[in-house]
Amino acid sequence: MGATIACPNDLSANRYTLSHSIWSLQHNRVAAEGYSTVVSYDFRTEKVVDFPTSLNNAIEELLKKDSLHLLDAPIKKAGEI
């Protein structure tokens, strides 16, 4: 199984979308694909909140190193979605 940020240009300060793939060794092909949206949520206040800046910075650094994605847009601030 593998996962990556699905749309690097759509990163925001409080959510991002992951793309998932599962490879079948038996059939030598992708057996399943899917997407999930990760949202930073504060259950105490029952509101969407921004991820810590350190997490957003780490994601941006990983994407810069990922040869499949070129991050040419900054992370959007809350409300810019």
Protein backbone atom coordinates (compact mmCIF):
# COMPACT_ATOMS: atom_id res chain seq x y z
CA MET A 1 0.00 0.00 0.00
CA GLY A 2 1.18 3.49 -0.78
CA ALA A 3 -0.17 6.97 -0.20
CA THR A 4 0.77 10.44 -1.37
CA ILE A 5 -0.66 13.93 -1.40
CA ALA A 6 -3.12 13.78 -4.30
CA CYS A 7 -3.12 17.45 -5.33
CA PRO A 8 -0.12 19.36 -3.95
CA ASN A 9 -1.45 22.64 -5.34
CA ASP A 10 -4.65 22.18 -3.31
CA LEU A 11 -2.93 21.99 0.08
CA SER A 12 -4.52 24.25 2.62
CA ALA A 13 -3.62 25.17 6.17
CA ASN A 14 -6.29 22.81 7.56
CA ARG A 15 -6.79 19.98 5.03
CA TYR A 16 -5.23 17.92 2.28
CA THR A 17 -6.23 14.97 0.11
CA LEU A 18 -4.34 11.67 0.06
CA SER A 19 -4.31 9.25 -2.85
CA HIS A 20 -4.00 5.55 -1.87
CA SER A 21 -3.02 2.51 -3.94
CA ILE A 22 -2.79 -1.15 -3.01
CA TRP A 23 -0.61 -3.39 -5.18
CA SER A 24 -1.46 -7.07 -5.64
CA LEU A 25 1.64 -9.26 -5.68
CA GLN A 26 -0.47 -12.17 -6.87
CA HIS A 27 -1.89 -10.32 -9.90
CA ASN A 28 1.05 -7.93 -10.40
CA ARG A 29 -1.18 -4.86 -10.70
CA VAL A 30 -2.98 -2.20 -8.68
CA ALA A 31 -5.80 -3.93 -6.81
CA ALA A 32 -7.45 -0.88 -5.27
CA GLU A 33 -7.26 2.90 -5.37
CA GLY A 34 -8.90 5.54 -3.26
CA TYR A 35 -8.79 9.04 -1.86
CA SER A 36 -9.21 10.45 1.61
CA THR A 37 -9.32 13.99 2.93
CA VAL A 38 -7.41 14.71 6.11
CA VAL A 39 -8.88 17.62 8.07
CA SER A 40 -7.47 19.17 11.24
CA TYR A 41 -10.37 19.31 13.71
CA ASP A 42 -10.58 20.43 17.34
CA PHE A 43 -13.20 18.25 19.00
CA ARG A 44 -13.33 20.50 22.07
CA THR A 45 -14.38 23.56 20.08
CA GLU A 46 -16.04 21.50 17.33
CA LYS A 47 -14.26 23.55 14.66
CA VAL A 48 -11.80 22.98 11.85
CA VAL A 49 -8.41 24.41 12.85
CA ASP A 50 -5.12 24.92 11.06
CA PHE A 51 -2.43 22.25 11.22
CA PRO A 52 0.67 23.28 13.16
CA THR A 53 2.97 25.32 10.94
CA SER A 54 5.71 22.75 11.51
CA LEU A 55 3.52 20.03 9.93
CA ASN A 56 2.69 22.16 6.88
CA ASN A 57 6.39 23.01 6.49
CA ALA A 58 7.34 19.32 6.71
CA ILE A 59 4.74 18.38 4.07
CA GLU A 60 6.03 21.11 1.74
CA GLU A 61 9.63 19.88 2.20
CA LEU A 62 8.64 16.28 1.44
CA LEU A 63 6.76 17.33 -1.67
CA LYS A 64 9.74 19.33 -2.91
CA LYS A 65 11.81 16.12 -2.70
CA ASP A 66 9.10 14.01 -4.37
CA SER A 67 9.92 13.76 -8.08
CA LEU A 68 6.25 13.05 -8.91
CA HIS A 69 5.02 16.41 -7.58
CA LEU A 70 6.17 19.95 -8.12
CA LEU A 71 4.90 22.21 -5.38
CA ASP A 72 4.57 25.55 -7.11
CA ALA A 73 1.87 27.06 -4.92
CA PRO A 74 2.05 27.95 -1.22
CA ILE A 75 -0.26 26.41 1.37
CA LYS A 76 -3.53 28.31 1.44
CA LYS A 77 -4.62 30.02 4.64
CA ALA A 78 -7.93 29.13 6.32
CA GLY A 79 -10.81 30.75 4.46
CA GLU A 80 -9.04 30.65 1.07
CA ILE A 81 -10.42 27.23 0.21
